[in-house]
Amino acid sequence: MLRYIYADQLSQFPKLARGMFKDRADQFKTRLGWDVQVNFNGEERDEYDALNPLYVIWETPEGGHGGSMRFLPTTGRVMVNDHFAHLTGAQIKSPLIWECTRFCLNRAAPSKTAAALMLGGGEIMTGFGIRHFVGVFDARMTRIYRMIGASPEVLGSTGNGRERISVGLWAFAPEAHARVGQRSGISAQMSRQWFDQSFDPAFGSCAPKALAKAG
C-alpha cells in the first residue's frame, strides 16, 4: 500500500523509515556511486530530510520499504534551486510547484512499484491542488518514466550518455494518470482511499490538515 508520511511522523513507522534510508544508501551510494553521505547506521540522509518533507512510501505486505519519493514545496529551500538553477536559468518558486527527489526502489521491488509511486504523486497533485512537480533525474530514469507513462518536460540538461543529468517538469494529465494506474495494478478508488487515510479522512480528499502543514 501507499503511505504519505511527513518527516516528523517517521518515528511512528520505524521499520519503514529505516528501510527507506538504508535503501537510499544502497541505491544512490552503492549501486549508482553518487557523492552522498551515509551515516553510521548505513542510512543515506541529506539536508532536505531535515525540512520536514512529505514522503510517499510503498509499504510491502510484510511492512517493509518497497520504494519511496520525497516532496517539498518550492516556496522553501529545494535542491533544484540550491544546486541546479544553472540548468533552468531561473529560480523555481511557486505554491503550485513542488519538488520531487530521492526516487528510490528496493532491490527486490517488483516492476509495478515505480508506477505505484508515480500514482501517489498524482494523488498529491490532486489532493493539494498542485499543478506541477519539478525534479532532477539521471539518464537511467528516462527509460523508467517512459515505461510507466509519466515522462516529464525537460527544462535543461548537462552531460552526455549515462552521465546526463536533467531537470524535468511534470504536469497532471488525466490520461497519464490512468496509464500509470493501469501499470501499477491499483484502482483509482483504492489509490484515493490510501491518500485520504494518510491525512484526515473526515475532511475528504482535499485533506486540509495536510495542506496546513505543507504551507
N, C-alpha and C. Protein backbone atom coordinates (compact mmCIF):
# COMPACT_ATOMS: atom_id res chain seq x y z
N MET A 1 0.83 -1.19 0.00
CA MET A 1 0.00 0.00 0.00
C MET A 1 0.87 1.24 0.00
N LEU A 2 0.28 2.38 -0.42
CA LEU A 2 0.97 3.66 -0.39
C LEU A 2 0.71 4.37 0.92
N ARG A 3 1.77 4.89 1.49
CA ARG A 3 1.65 5.72 2.69
C ARG A 3 2.24 7.10 2.39
N TYR A 4 1.61 8.12 2.97
CA TYR A 4 2.05 9.51 2.84
C TYR A 4 2.45 9.96 4.23
N ILE A 5 3.74 10.18 4.45
CA ILE A 5 4.25 10.40 5.81
C ILE A 5 5.19 11.60 5.82
N TYR A 6 4.92 12.56 6.70
CA TYR A 6 5.85 13.67 6.90
C TYR A 6 7.05 13.21 7.71
N ALA A 7 8.17 13.92 7.54
CA ALA A 7 9.39 13.53 8.23
C ALA A 7 9.20 13.48 9.74
N ASP A 8 8.43 14.39 10.30
CA ASP A 8 8.24 14.40 11.75
C ASP A 8 7.29 13.31 12.23
N GLN A 9 6.77 12.50 11.30
CA GLN A 9 5.93 11.37 11.65
C GLN A 9 6.66 10.03 11.48
N LEU A 10 7.88 10.06 10.95
CA LEU A 10 8.58 8.82 10.65
C LEU A 10 8.85 7.96 11.89
N SER A 11 8.94 8.59 13.05
CA SER A 11 9.17 7.82 14.27
C SER A 11 8.02 6.86 14.57
N GLN A 12 6.85 7.14 14.00
CA GLN A 12 5.70 6.25 14.18
C GLN A 12 5.79 5.03 13.26
N PHE A 13 6.73 5.07 12.31
CA PHE A 13 6.90 3.98 11.34
C PHE A 13 8.38 3.61 11.26
N PRO A 14 8.97 3.14 12.38
CA PRO A 14 10.42 2.92 12.42
C PRO A 14 10.94 1.93 11.38
N LYS A 15 10.20 0.87 11.11
CA LYS A 15 10.65 -0.12 10.12
C LYS A 15 10.67 0.47 8.73
N LEU A 16 9.62 1.20 8.38
CA LEU A 16 9.58 1.84 7.07
C LEU A 16 10.68 2.88 6.93
N ALA A 17 10.89 3.67 7.97
CA ALA A 17 11.91 4.72 7.92
C ALA A 17 13.30 4.13 7.75
N ARG A 18 13.64 3.13 8.56
CA ARG A 18 14.96 2.50 8.44
C ARG A 18 15.15 1.91 7.05
N GLY A 19 14.12 1.23 6.57
CA GLY A 19 14.22 0.62 5.25
C GLY A 19 14.41 1.64 4.16
N MET A 20 13.70 2.77 4.23
CA MET A 20 13.82 3.80 3.21
C MET A 20 15.22 4.38 3.17
N PHE A 21 15.75 4.78 4.31
CA PHE A 21 17.06 5.42 4.32
C PHE A 21 18.18 4.43 3.99
N LYS A 22 18.02 3.17 4.37
CA LYS A 22 19.02 2.16 4.01
C LYS A 22 18.95 1.83 2.52
N ASP A 23 17.75 1.76 1.97
CA ASP A 23 17.61 1.51 0.54
C ASP A 23 18.14 2.69 -0.27
N ARG A 24 17.99 3.91 0.25
CA ARG A 24 18.57 5.06 -0.43
C ARG A 24 20.09 4.96 -0.46
N ALA A 25 20.68 4.53 0.64
CA ALA A 25 22.14 4.35 0.67
C ALA A 25 22.56 3.28 -0.34
N ASP A 26 21.81 2.19 -0.39
CA ASP A 26 22.12 1.10 -1.31
C ASP A 26 22.00 1.56 -2.76
N GLN A 27 20.94 2.30 -3.07
CA GLN A 27 20.73 2.72 -4.45
C GLN A 27 21.70 3.81 -4.88
N PHE A 28 21.75 4.89 -4.10
CA PHE A 28 22.50 6.06 -4.55
C PHE A 28 24.00 5.95 -4.31
N LYS A 29 24.42 5.36 -3.21
CA LYS A 29 25.84 5.24 -2.90
C LYS A 29 26.44 3.97 -3.49
N THR A 30 25.85 2.82 -3.16
CA THR A 30 26.43 1.54 -3.56
C THR A 30 26.26 1.26 -5.04
N ARG A 31 25.03 1.36 -5.54
CA ARG A 31 24.77 0.98 -6.92
C ARG A 31 25.12 2.06 -7.93
N LEU A 32 24.78 3.32 -7.62
CA LEU A 32 24.98 4.41 -8.58
C LEU A 32 26.28 5.18 -8.35
N GLY A 33 26.87 5.03 -7.17
CA GLY A 33 28.13 5.70 -6.89
C GLY A 33 28.03 7.21 -6.75
N TRP A 34 26.87 7.70 -6.34
CA TRP A 34 26.71 9.14 -6.15
C TRP A 34 27.51 9.62 -4.93
N ASP A 35 27.85 10.89 -4.93
CA ASP A 35 28.58 11.50 -3.82
C ASP A 35 27.57 11.92 -2.74
N VAL A 36 27.05 10.93 -2.03
CA VAL A 36 26.10 11.18 -0.95
C VAL A 36 26.68 10.67 0.36
N GLN A 37 26.15 11.18 1.46
CA GLN A 37 26.65 10.81 2.78
C GLN A 37 25.81 9.68 3.38
N VAL A 38 26.49 8.66 3.88
CA VAL A 38 25.84 7.54 4.55
C VAL A 38 26.30 7.53 6.00
N ASN A 39 25.36 7.52 6.95
CA ASN A 39 25.74 7.61 8.36
C ASN A 39 26.15 6.25 8.93
N PHE A 40 26.48 6.22 10.22
CA PHE A 40 26.99 5.00 10.85
C PHE A 40 25.94 3.90 10.93
N ASN A 41 24.68 4.26 10.71
CA ASN A 41 23.61 3.26 10.67
C ASN A 41 23.38 2.71 9.28
N GLY A 42 24.18 3.17 8.31
CA GLY A 42 24.02 2.73 6.94
C GLY A 42 22.87 3.39 6.23
N GLU A 43 22.50 4.60 6.67
CA GLU A 43 21.37 5.32 6.11
C GLU A 43 21.84 6.54 5.33
N GLU A 44 21.22 6.80 4.19
CA GLU A 44 21.51 7.99 3.41
C GLU A 44 20.48 9.06 3.75
N ARG A 45 20.96 10.15 4.29
CA ARG A 45 20.12 11.32 4.60
C ARG A 45 20.85 12.56 4.13
N ASP A 46 20.08 13.61 3.82
CA ASP A 46 20.71 14.87 3.45
C ASP A 46 19.98 16.03 4.13
N GLU A 47 20.40 17.25 3.79
CA GLU A 47 19.88 18.43 4.46
C GLU A 47 18.38 18.64 4.22
N TYR A 48 17.85 18.11 3.12
CA TYR A 48 16.45 18.32 2.81
C TYR A 48 15.53 17.40 3.62
N ASP A 49 16.08 16.33 4.14
CA ASP A 49 15.30 15.48 5.04
C ASP A 49 15.01 16.18 6.36
N ALA A 50 15.78 17.23 6.66
CA ALA A 50 15.58 17.99 7.90
C ALA A 50 14.54 19.10 7.75
N LEU A 51 13.96 19.25 6.55
CA LEU A 51 12.99 20.32 6.29
C LEU A 51 11.54 19.84 6.36
N ASN A 52 11.33 18.70 6.99
CA ASN A 52 10.01 18.09 7.15
C ASN A 52 9.29 17.87 5.82
N PRO A 53 9.97 17.18 4.89
CA PRO A 53 9.32 16.87 3.62
C PRO A 53 8.20 15.85 3.80
N LEU A 54 7.41 15.70 2.76
CA LEU A 54 6.40 14.65 2.69
C LEU A 54 6.97 13.50 1.88
N TYR A 55 6.94 12.30 2.44
CA TYR A 55 7.41 11.11 1.73
C TYR A 55 6.20 10.30 1.26
N VAL A 56 6.29 9.78 0.05
CA VAL A 56 5.35 8.77 -0.43
C VAL A 56 6.11 7.45 -0.40
N ILE A 57 5.60 6.50 0.34
CA ILE A 57 6.31 5.23 0.55
C ILE A 57 5.42 4.06 0.17
N TRP A 58 5.96 3.16 -0.64
CA TRP A 58 5.26 1.92 -0.92
C TRP A 58 5.63 0.92 0.16
N GLU A 59 4.63 0.51 0.94
CA GLU A 59 4.85 -0.46 2.01
C GLU A 59 4.52 -1.85 1.49
N THR A 60 5.46 -2.78 1.64
CA THR A 60 5.26 -4.15 1.18
C THR A 60 4.27 -4.87 2.09
N PRO A 61 3.74 -6.01 1.67
CA PRO A 61 2.83 -6.78 2.53
C PRO A 61 3.46 -7.17 3.86
N GLU A 62 4.80 -7.24 3.90
CA GLU A 62 5.50 -7.59 5.14
C GLU A 62 5.79 -6.37 6.01
N GLY A 63 5.37 -5.19 5.55
CA GLY A 63 5.59 -3.97 6.32
C GLY A 63 6.92 -3.30 6.06
N GLY A 64 7.63 -3.72 5.01
CA GLY A 64 8.91 -3.13 4.69
C GLY A 64 8.82 -2.06 3.62
N HIS A 65 9.97 -1.45 3.33
CA HIS A 65 10.06 -0.38 2.33
C HIS A 65 10.25 -1.00 0.94
N GLY A 66 9.33 -0.71 0.03
CA GLY A 66 9.45 -1.17 -1.34
C GLY A 66 9.97 -0.09 -2.27
N GLY A 67 9.66 1.16 -1.95
CA GLY A 67 10.10 2.29 -2.74
C GLY A 67 9.56 3.58 -2.15
N SER A 68 10.12 4.71 -2.57
CA SER A 68 9.68 5.98 -1.98
C SER A 68 10.11 7.16 -2.83
N MET A 69 9.48 8.31 -2.56
CA MET A 69 9.85 9.59 -3.13
C MET A 69 9.70 10.66 -2.04
N ARG A 70 10.35 11.79 -2.25
CA ARG A 70 10.32 12.88 -1.26
C ARG A 70 9.83 14.17 -1.94
N PHE A 71 8.95 14.90 -1.24
CA PHE A 71 8.35 16.11 -1.81
C PHE A 71 8.51 17.30 -0.88
N LEU A 72 8.84 18.46 -1.48
CA LEU A 72 8.92 19.72 -0.76
C LEU A 72 8.36 20.84 -1.62
N PRO A 73 7.61 21.78 -1.03
CA PRO A 73 7.13 22.94 -1.80
C PRO A 73 8.31 23.80 -2.25
N THR A 74 8.27 24.34 -3.46
CA THR A 74 9.36 25.19 -3.95
C THR A 74 9.32 26.58 -3.34
N THR A 75 8.34 26.87 -2.50
CA THR A 75 8.32 28.16 -1.80
C THR A 75 9.40 28.21 -0.72
N GLY A 76 9.94 27.07 -0.36
CA GLY A 76 11.05 26.99 0.59
C GLY A 76 12.30 26.49 -0.11
N ARG A 77 13.27 26.06 0.67
CA ARG A 77 14.52 25.55 0.11
C ARG A 77 14.28 24.21 -0.59
N VAL A 78 14.81 24.08 -1.81
CA VAL A 78 14.73 22.84 -2.56
C VAL A 78 16.02 22.63 -3.33
N MET A 79 16.29 21.39 -3.66
CA MET A 79 17.53 21.02 -4.32
C MET A 79 17.69 21.68 -5.69
N VAL A 80 16.60 21.75 -6.45
CA VAL A 80 16.71 22.26 -7.81
C VAL A 80 17.16 23.72 -7.83
N ASN A 81 16.74 24.51 -6.84
CA ASN A 81 17.17 25.90 -6.78
C ASN A 81 18.55 26.06 -6.15
N ASP A 82 18.86 25.23 -5.16
CA ASP A 82 20.13 25.34 -4.46
C ASP A 82 21.31 24.85 -5.29
N HIS A 83 21.09 23.84 -6.15
CA HIS A 83 22.21 23.19 -6.82
C HIS A 83 22.07 23.07 -8.34
N PHE A 84 20.88 23.28 -8.90
CA PHE A 84 20.70 23.04 -10.33
C PHE A 84 20.04 24.20 -11.06
N ALA A 85 20.08 25.40 -10.49
CA ALA A 85 19.45 26.56 -11.12
C ALA A 85 20.12 26.89 -12.46
N HIS A 86 21.38 26.48 -12.63
CA HIS A 86 22.07 26.74 -13.90
C HIS A 86 21.45 25.95 -15.06
N LEU A 87 20.69 24.90 -14.74
CA LEU A 87 20.03 24.12 -15.79
C LEU A 87 18.67 24.69 -16.17
N THR A 88 18.07 25.46 -15.28
CA THR A 88 16.75 26.02 -15.56
C THR A 88 16.82 27.50 -15.94
N GLY A 89 17.91 28.16 -15.55
CA GLY A 89 18.08 29.57 -15.87
C GLY A 89 17.35 30.51 -14.95
N ALA A 90 16.63 29.97 -13.97
CA ALA A 90 15.88 30.81 -13.03
C ALA A 90 15.51 30.00 -11.81
N GLN A 91 15.23 30.70 -10.72
CA GLN A 91 14.73 30.05 -9.52
C GLN A 91 13.27 29.64 -9.75
N ILE A 92 12.92 28.46 -9.32
CA ILE A 92 11.55 27.97 -9.45
C ILE A 92 10.89 28.07 -8.08
N LYS A 93 9.97 29.00 -7.94
CA LYS A 93 9.29 29.22 -6.67
C LYS A 93 7.81 29.49 -6.92
N SER A 94 6.97 28.57 -6.48
CA SER A 94 5.53 28.72 -6.65
C SER A 94 4.82 27.78 -5.71
N PRO A 95 3.72 28.23 -5.09
CA PRO A 95 2.94 27.32 -4.24
C PRO A 95 2.28 26.21 -5.06
N LEU A 96 2.28 26.35 -6.39
CA LEU A 96 1.66 25.35 -7.25
C LEU A 96 2.68 24.36 -7.82
N ILE A 97 3.95 24.52 -7.43
CA ILE A 97 5.00 23.61 -7.90
C ILE A 97 5.73 23.04 -6.70
N TRP A 98 5.81 21.75 -6.61
CA TRP A 98 6.59 21.07 -5.57
C TRP A 98 7.74 20.31 -6.21
N GLU A 99 8.80 20.17 -5.44
CA GLU A 99 9.95 19.39 -5.91
C GLU A 99 9.81 17.93 -5.47
N CYS A 100 10.15 17.03 -6.39
CA CYS A 100 10.17 15.60 -6.10
C CYS A 100 11.61 15.10 -6.24
N THR A 101 12.13 14.47 -5.19
CA THR A 101 13.50 13.97 -5.21
C THR A 101 13.57 12.58 -4.56
N ARG A 102 14.76 12.00 -4.63
CA ARG A 102 15.08 10.71 -3.99
C ARG A 102 14.09 9.60 -4.37
N PHE A 103 13.84 9.47 -5.67
CA PHE A 103 13.05 8.34 -6.18
C PHE A 103 13.89 7.08 -5.97
N CYS A 104 13.41 6.21 -5.10
CA CYS A 104 14.22 5.07 -4.67
C CYS A 104 13.39 3.79 -4.68
N LEU A 105 14.01 2.70 -5.15
CA LEU A 105 13.35 1.41 -5.16
C LEU A 105 14.22 0.38 -4.43
N ASN A 106 13.59 -0.44 -3.63
CA ASN A 106 14.27 -1.57 -3.02
C ASN A 106 14.74 -2.51 -4.13
N ARG A 107 15.87 -3.18 -3.90
CA ARG A 107 16.42 -4.08 -4.93
C ARG A 107 15.42 -5.15 -5.36
N ALA A 108 14.60 -5.59 -4.41
CA ALA A 108 13.67 -6.69 -4.70
C ALA A 108 12.28 -6.20 -5.11
N ALA A 109 12.11 -4.89 -5.29
CA ALA A 109 10.79 -4.35 -5.60
C ALA A 109 10.34 -4.82 -6.98
N PRO A 110 9.10 -5.26 -7.12
CA PRO A 110 8.58 -5.62 -8.45
C PRO A 110 8.46 -4.39 -9.32
N SER A 111 8.37 -4.62 -10.63
CA SER A 111 8.37 -3.51 -11.59
C SER A 111 7.21 -2.55 -11.39
N LYS A 112 6.09 -3.02 -10.83
CA LYS A 112 4.93 -2.16 -10.64
C LYS A 112 5.12 -1.12 -9.54
N THR A 113 6.17 -1.27 -8.73
CA THR A 113 6.36 -0.34 -7.62
C THR A 113 6.61 1.08 -8.11
N ALA A 114 7.40 1.23 -9.16
CA ALA A 114 7.68 2.56 -9.70
C ALA A 114 6.39 3.24 -10.13
N ALA A 115 5.51 2.50 -10.81
CA ALA A 115 4.24 3.08 -11.24
C ALA A 115 3.37 3.44 -10.04
N ALA A 116 3.40 2.62 -8.99
CA ALA A 116 2.62 2.91 -7.79
C ALA A 116 3.07 4.22 -7.17
N LEU A 117 4.37 4.46 -7.14
CA LEU A 117 4.89 5.71 -6.57
C LEU A 117 4.45 6.91 -7.41
N MET A 118 4.52 6.78 -8.73
CA MET A 118 4.07 7.87 -9.58
C MET A 118 2.58 8.11 -9.42
N LEU A 119 1.83 7.05 -9.19
CA LEU A 119 0.40 7.20 -8.92
C LEU A 119 0.20 8.02 -7.64
N GLY A 120 1.03 7.75 -6.64
CA GLY A 120 0.97 8.53 -5.41
C GLY A 120 1.27 10.00 -5.66
N GLY A 121 2.22 10.27 -6.56
CA GLY A 121 2.49 11.66 -6.92
C GLY A 121 1.27 12.33 -7.51
N GLY A 122 0.53 11.60 -8.32
CA GLY A 122 -0.70 12.15 -8.89
C GLY A 122 -1.74 12.46 -7.83
N GLU A 123 -1.81 11.62 -6.80
CA GLU A 123 -2.75 11.87 -5.71
C GLU A 123 -2.37 13.14 -4.95
N ILE A 124 -1.07 13.37 -4.78
CA ILE A 124 -0.63 14.61 -4.12
C ILE A 124 -1.03 15.82 -4.95
N MET A 125 -0.84 15.74 -6.26
CA MET A 125 -1.25 16.85 -7.12
C MET A 125 -2.73 17.15 -6.97
N THR A 126 -3.54 16.11 -6.99
CA THR A 126 -4.98 16.30 -6.87
C THR A 126 -5.37 16.81 -5.49
N GLY A 127 -4.85 16.16 -4.45
CA GLY A 127 -5.26 16.48 -3.09
C GLY A 127 -4.76 17.82 -2.58
N PHE A 128 -3.62 18.27 -3.08
CA PHE A 128 -3.03 19.52 -2.61
C PHE A 128 -3.22 20.67 -3.60
N GLY A 129 -3.85 20.40 -4.73
CA GLY A 129 -4.05 21.45 -5.72
C GLY A 129 -2.77 21.91 -6.37
N ILE A 130 -1.84 20.99 -6.59
CA ILE A 130 -0.55 21.31 -7.21
C ILE A 130 -0.64 21.09 -8.71
N ARG A 131 0.00 21.96 -9.47
CA ARG A 131 -0.08 21.85 -10.92
C ARG A 131 1.13 21.16 -11.53
N HIS A 132 2.29 21.28 -10.87
CA HIS A 132 3.50 20.68 -11.43
C HIS A 132 4.41 20.15 -10.33
N PHE A 133 5.18 19.12 -10.68
CA PHE A 133 6.34 18.70 -9.91
C PHE A 133 7.58 19.04 -10.71
N VAL A 134 8.64 19.40 -10.02
CA VAL A 134 9.93 19.60 -10.66
C VAL A 134 10.93 18.69 -9.98
N GLY A 135 11.86 18.16 -10.75
CA GLY A 135 12.83 17.26 -10.14
C GLY A 135 14.04 17.05 -11.03
N VAL A 136 15.12 16.64 -10.42
CA VAL A 136 16.36 16.33 -11.13
C VAL A 136 16.43 14.81 -11.31
N PHE A 137 16.80 14.37 -12.50
CA PHE A 137 16.89 12.94 -12.75
C PHE A 137 18.07 12.62 -13.66
N ASP A 138 18.55 11.38 -13.56
CA ASP A 138 19.67 10.95 -14.39
C ASP A 138 19.16 10.18 -15.60
N ALA A 139 20.08 9.78 -16.46
CA ALA A 139 19.72 9.17 -17.74
C ALA A 139 18.93 7.88 -17.58
N ARG A 140 19.24 7.09 -16.57
CA ARG A 140 18.56 5.80 -16.41
C ARG A 140 17.07 5.97 -16.14
N MET A 141 16.68 7.11 -15.52
CA MET A 141 15.28 7.32 -15.19
C MET A 141 14.44 7.66 -16.41
N THR A 142 15.07 8.12 -17.49
CA THR A 142 14.31 8.45 -18.70
C THR A 142 13.52 7.25 -19.19
N ARG A 143 14.17 6.10 -19.21
CA ARG A 143 13.51 4.87 -19.67
C ARG A 143 12.40 4.46 -18.71
N ILE A 144 12.64 4.61 -17.41
CA ILE A 144 11.64 4.22 -16.41
C ILE A 144 10.40 5.10 -16.53
N TYR A 145 10.60 6.41 -16.66
CA TYR A 145 9.46 7.31 -16.79
C TYR A 145 8.65 7.00 -18.05
N ARG A 146 9.36 6.73 -19.14
CA ARG A 146 8.67 6.40 -20.38
C ARG A 146 7.89 5.10 -20.24
N MET A 147 8.48 4.12 -19.57
CA MET A 147 7.86 2.81 -19.42
C MET A 147 6.55 2.88 -18.64
N ILE A 148 6.52 3.75 -17.61
CA ILE A 148 5.32 3.82 -16.78
C ILE A 148 4.37 4.92 -17.24
N GLY A 149 4.72 5.61 -18.33
CA GLY A 149 3.82 6.60 -18.91
C GLY A 149 3.77 7.91 -18.19
N ALA A 150 4.92 8.35 -17.63
CA ALA A 150 4.94 9.60 -16.87
C ALA A 150 6.21 10.39 -17.18
N SER A 151 6.45 10.66 -18.45
CA SER A 151 7.65 11.39 -18.86
C SER A 151 7.48 12.89 -18.63
N PRO A 152 8.53 13.56 -18.14
CA PRO A 152 8.43 15.00 -17.88
C PRO A 152 8.81 15.85 -19.08
N GLU A 153 8.52 17.13 -19.01
CA GLU A 153 9.09 18.12 -19.92
C GLU A 153 10.49 18.45 -19.41
N VAL A 154 11.49 18.33 -20.24
CA VAL A 154 12.87 18.58 -19.82
C VAL A 154 13.15 20.08 -19.92
N LEU A 155 13.55 20.68 -18.78
CA LEU A 155 13.83 22.11 -18.73
C LEU A 155 15.28 22.43 -19.03
N GLY A 156 16.17 21.47 -18.79
CA GLY A 156 17.58 21.68 -19.03
C GLY A 156 18.37 20.45 -18.67
N SER A 157 19.52 20.26 -19.33
CA SER A 157 20.33 19.07 -19.09
C SER A 157 21.81 19.42 -19.15
N THR A 158 22.62 18.53 -18.58
CA THR A 158 24.06 18.64 -18.68
C THR A 158 24.64 17.24 -18.74
N GLY A 159 25.77 17.08 -19.43
CA GLY A 159 26.40 15.78 -19.54
C GLY A 159 25.87 14.98 -20.72
N ASN A 160 26.52 13.85 -20.97
CA ASN A 160 26.16 13.02 -22.11
C ASN A 160 26.02 11.56 -21.70
N GLY A 161 25.24 10.83 -22.48
CA GLY A 161 25.10 9.40 -22.24
C GLY A 161 24.58 9.09 -20.86
N ARG A 162 25.22 8.13 -20.20
CA ARG A 162 24.79 7.70 -18.87
C ARG A 162 25.05 8.75 -17.81
N GLU A 163 25.89 9.74 -18.13
CA GLU A 163 26.22 10.80 -17.18
C GLU A 163 25.29 12.00 -17.29
N ARG A 164 24.30 11.92 -18.15
CA ARG A 164 23.41 13.05 -18.38
C ARG A 164 22.50 13.29 -17.18
N ILE A 165 22.43 14.53 -16.73
CA ILE A 165 21.55 14.95 -15.63
C ILE A 165 20.59 16.00 -16.17
N SER A 166 19.31 15.85 -15.85
CA SER A 166 18.30 16.77 -16.37
C SER A 166 17.38 17.26 -15.25
N VAL A 167 16.77 18.41 -15.49
CA VAL A 167 15.69 18.91 -14.65
C VAL A 167 14.40 18.75 -15.43
N GLY A 168 13.41 18.10 -14.83
CA GLY A 168 12.15 17.86 -15.52
C GLY A 168 10.98 18.49 -14.80
N LEU A 169 9.92 18.75 -15.56
CA LEU A 169 8.69 19.32 -15.03
C LEU A 169 7.54 18.38 -15.40
N TRP A 170 6.81 17.93 -14.38
CA TRP A 170 5.68 17.04 -14.58
C TRP A 170 4.38 17.80 -14.35
N ALA A 171 3.43 17.61 -15.24
CA ALA A 171 2.09 18.17 -15.07
C ALA A 171 1.11 17.03 -14.88
N PHE A 172 -0.01 17.31 -14.24
CA PHE A 172 -1.03 16.28 -14.07
C PHE A 172 -1.90 16.21 -15.31
N ALA A 173 -1.96 15.04 -15.90
CA ALA A 173 -2.83 14.81 -17.06
C ALA A 173 -3.67 13.57 -16.76
N PRO A 174 -4.99 13.68 -16.85
CA PRO A 174 -5.85 12.54 -16.52
C PRO A 174 -5.51 11.27 -17.29
N GLU A 175 -5.16 11.42 -18.57
CA GLU A 175 -4.85 10.24 -19.37
C GLU A 175 -3.55 9.56 -18.89
N ALA A 176 -2.56 10.38 -18.51
CA ALA A 176 -1.31 9.83 -17.99
C ALA A 176 -1.56 9.17 -16.63
N HIS A 177 -2.39 9.81 -15.82
CA HIS A 177 -2.73 9.25 -14.51
C HIS A 177 -3.40 7.89 -14.68
N ALA A 178 -4.27 7.77 -15.67
CA ALA A 178 -4.94 6.50 -15.92
C ALA A 178 -3.95 5.43 -16.39
N ARG A 179 -2.98 5.84 -17.24
CA ARG A 179 -1.98 4.88 -17.71
C ARG A 179 -1.13 4.37 -16.56
N VAL A 180 -0.72 5.29 -15.68
CA VAL A 180 0.11 4.90 -14.54
C VAL A 180 -0.67 3.98 -13.60
N GLY A 181 -1.96 4.31 -13.39
CA GLY A 181 -2.78 3.46 -12.55
C GLY A 181 -2.92 2.06 -13.11
N GLN A 182 -3.09 1.97 -14.42
CA GLN A 182 -3.20 0.65 -15.06
C GLN A 182 -1.89 -0.12 -14.93
N ARG A 183 -0.79 0.59 -15.11
CA ARG A 183 0.52 -0.05 -15.00
C ARG A 183 0.78 -0.57 -13.58
N SER A 184 0.30 0.16 -12.59
CA SER A 184 0.54 -0.21 -11.19
C SER A 184 -0.37 -1.34 -10.73
N GLY A 185 -1.51 -1.51 -11.42
CA GLY A 185 -2.48 -2.50 -10.98
C GLY A 185 -3.31 -2.05 -9.80
N ILE A 186 -3.32 -0.74 -9.52
CA ILE A 186 -4.06 -0.19 -8.38
C ILE A 186 -5.26 0.58 -8.90
N SER A 187 -6.43 0.32 -8.36
CA SER A 187 -7.62 1.02 -8.81
C SER A 187 -7.60 2.47 -8.33
N ALA A 188 -8.32 3.33 -9.07
CA ALA A 188 -8.41 4.74 -8.68
C ALA A 188 -9.03 4.89 -7.30
N GLN A 189 -10.02 4.07 -7.00
CA GLN A 189 -10.68 4.15 -5.70
C GLN A 189 -9.73 3.79 -4.56
N MET A 190 -8.95 2.73 -4.73
CA MET A 190 -8.01 2.32 -3.69
C MET A 190 -6.91 3.36 -3.51
N SER A 191 -6.42 3.90 -4.61
CA SER A 191 -5.37 4.92 -4.54
C SER A 191 -5.84 6.13 -3.75
N ARG A 192 -7.06 6.60 -4.03
CA ARG A 192 -7.60 7.76 -3.32
C ARG A 192 -7.87 7.44 -1.85
N GLN A 193 -8.28 6.22 -1.57
CA GLN A 193 -8.53 5.82 -0.19
C GLN A 193 -7.25 5.85 0.63
N TRP A 194 -6.17 5.36 0.07
CA TRP A 194 -4.89 5.38 0.79
C TRP A 194 -4.46 6.82 1.07
N PHE A 195 -4.68 7.72 0.11
CA PHE A 195 -4.32 9.12 0.31
C PHE A 195 -5.13 9.72 1.45
N ASP A 196 -6.44 9.53 1.40
CA ASP A 196 -7.31 10.10 2.43
C ASP A 196 -6.96 9.57 3.82
N GLN A 197 -6.71 8.28 3.91
CA GLN A 197 -6.42 7.66 5.20
C GLN A 197 -5.12 8.17 5.81
N SER A 198 -4.20 8.65 4.96
CA SER A 198 -2.92 9.13 5.47
C SER A 198 -3.04 10.50 6.13
N PHE A 199 -4.13 11.21 5.86
CA PHE A 199 -4.32 12.52 6.45
C PHE A 199 -5.53 12.47 7.39
N ASP A 200 -6.57 13.20 7.07
CA ASP A 200 -7.74 13.18 7.94
C ASP A 200 -8.96 12.82 7.11
N PRO A 201 -9.39 11.56 7.14
CA PRO A 201 -10.50 11.13 6.28
C PRO A 201 -11.78 11.93 6.48
N ALA A 202 -11.96 12.54 7.64
CA ALA A 202 -13.18 13.29 7.90
C ALA A 202 -13.33 14.48 6.96
N PHE A 203 -12.19 14.96 6.41
CA PHE A 203 -12.24 16.12 5.53
C PHE A 203 -12.23 15.73 4.05
N GLY A 204 -12.16 14.45 3.75
CA GLY A 204 -12.18 14.03 2.35
C GLY A 204 -10.86 14.26 1.66
N SER A 205 -10.89 14.23 0.32
CA SER A 205 -9.67 14.21 -0.46
C SER A 205 -8.89 15.52 -0.46
N CYS A 206 -9.51 16.64 -0.04
CA CYS A 206 -8.79 17.89 -0.01
C CYS A 206 -7.77 17.94 1.12
N ALA A 207 -7.97 17.13 2.14
CA ALA A 207 -7.01 16.98 3.22
C ALA A 207 -6.51 18.29 3.79
N PRO A 208 -7.38 19.17 4.38
CA PRO A 208 -6.94 20.44 4.93
C PRO A 208 -5.83 20.30 5.96
N LYS A 209 -5.85 19.22 6.73
CA LYS A 209 -4.79 19.02 7.73
C LYS A 209 -3.43 18.98 7.07
N ALA A 210 -3.34 18.28 5.94
CA ALA A 210 -2.08 18.18 5.23
C ALA A 210 -1.70 19.51 4.59
N LEU A 211 -2.68 20.21 4.04
CA LEU A 211 -2.40 21.48 3.40
C LEU A 211 -1.87 22.50 4.40
N ALA A 212 -2.44 22.54 5.57
CA ALA A 212 -1.99 23.47 6.59
C ALA A 212 -0.56 23.18 6.98
N LYS A 213 -0.21 21.92 7.07
CA LYS A 213 1.14 21.53 7.45
C LYS A 213 2.13 21.85 6.35
N ALA A 214 1.69 21.71 5.10
CA ALA A 214 2.60 21.93 3.99
C ALA A 214 2.86 23.40 3.73
N GLY A 215 1.95 24.27 4.19
CA GLY A 215 2.05 25.67 3.85
C GLY A 215 3.24 26.36 4.42
